[in-house]
């Protein structure tokens, strides 16, 4: 279970990083490019992913 939560957290961090890059205009080719909404949602999702990884890593099974 812990490995699944860590993997989910890593995917959230990666998705958040991509969304942030698109929202800030660094990654083009998407309707999300240069949209402030995604520049805000991206770091929030990435932060939640980091929190999930840390929580899962500390969890005892």
Protein backbone atom coordinates (compact mmCIF):
# COMPACT_ATOMS: atom_id res chain seq x y z
CA UNK A 1 0.00 0.00 0.00
CA UNK A 2 2.84 2.36 0.86
CA UNK A 3 4.45 1.91 -2.56
CA UNK A 4 1.14 2.71 -4.25
CA UNK A 5 0.76 5.93 -2.26
CA UNK A 6 4.35 6.96 -3.00
CA UNK A 7 3.82 6.29 -6.72
CA UNK A 8 0.60 8.31 -6.69
CA UNK A 9 2.38 11.16 -4.93
CA UNK A 10 5.20 11.14 -7.48
CA UNK A 11 2.66 11.24 -10.33
CA UNK A 12 0.94 14.19 -8.65
CA UNK A 13 4.26 16.04 -8.37
CA UNK A 14 5.04 15.41 -12.04
CA UNK A 15 1.55 16.44 -13.19
CA UNK A 16 1.72 19.56 -11.03
CA UNK A 17 5.08 20.48 -12.51
CA UNK A 18 3.76 20.08 -16.06
CA UNK A 19 0.63 22.10 -15.27
CA UNK A 20 2.74 24.84 -13.72
CA UNK A 21 5.00 24.95 -16.77
CA UNK A 22 2.01 25.15 -19.07
CA UNK A 23 0.28 27.77 -16.97
CA UNK A 24 3.38 29.95 -16.97
CA UNK A 25 3.86 29.52 -20.73
CA UNK A 26 7.09 27.49 -20.57
CA UNK A 27 5.43 24.44 -22.16
CA UNK A 28 3.35 25.21 -25.23
CA UNK A 29 0.93 23.34 -27.43
CA UNK A 30 -2.01 23.14 -25.07
CA UNK A 31 -5.12 25.16 -24.25
CA UNK A 32 -3.64 25.36 -20.74
CA UNK A 33 -0.68 27.44 -22.01
CA UNK A 34 -0.46 30.93 -20.47
CA UNK A 35 -3.51 30.36 -18.27
CA UNK A 36 -3.17 31.72 -14.73
CA UNK A 37 -5.52 29.06 -13.40
CA UNK A 38 -3.05 26.27 -14.21
CA UNK A 39 -0.15 28.29 -12.84
CA UNK A 40 -2.00 28.18 -9.51
CA UNK A 41 -3.43 24.65 -9.62
CA UNK A 42 -0.09 23.09 -10.64
CA UNK A 43 1.90 23.99 -7.51
CA UNK A 44 -1.06 23.05 -5.31
CA UNK A 45 -1.22 19.57 -6.82
CA UNK A 46 2.56 19.21 -6.64
CA UNK A 47 2.52 20.25 -2.98
CA UNK A 48 -0.18 17.72 -2.20
CA UNK A 49 1.90 15.09 -3.99
CA UNK A 50 4.94 15.91 -1.86
CA UNK A 51 2.80 15.71 1.28
CA UNK A 52 1.45 12.33 0.16
CA UNK A 53 4.95 10.98 -0.49
CA UNK A 54 6.20 12.17 2.90
CA UNK A 55 3.16 10.79 4.71
CA UNK A 56 3.38 7.44 2.91
CA UNK A 57 7.11 7.17 3.57
CA UNK A 58 6.59 7.71 7.29
CA UNK A 59 3.66 5.30 7.49
CA UNK A 60 4.13 2.02 9.30
CA UNK A 61 2.64 -1.14 7.93
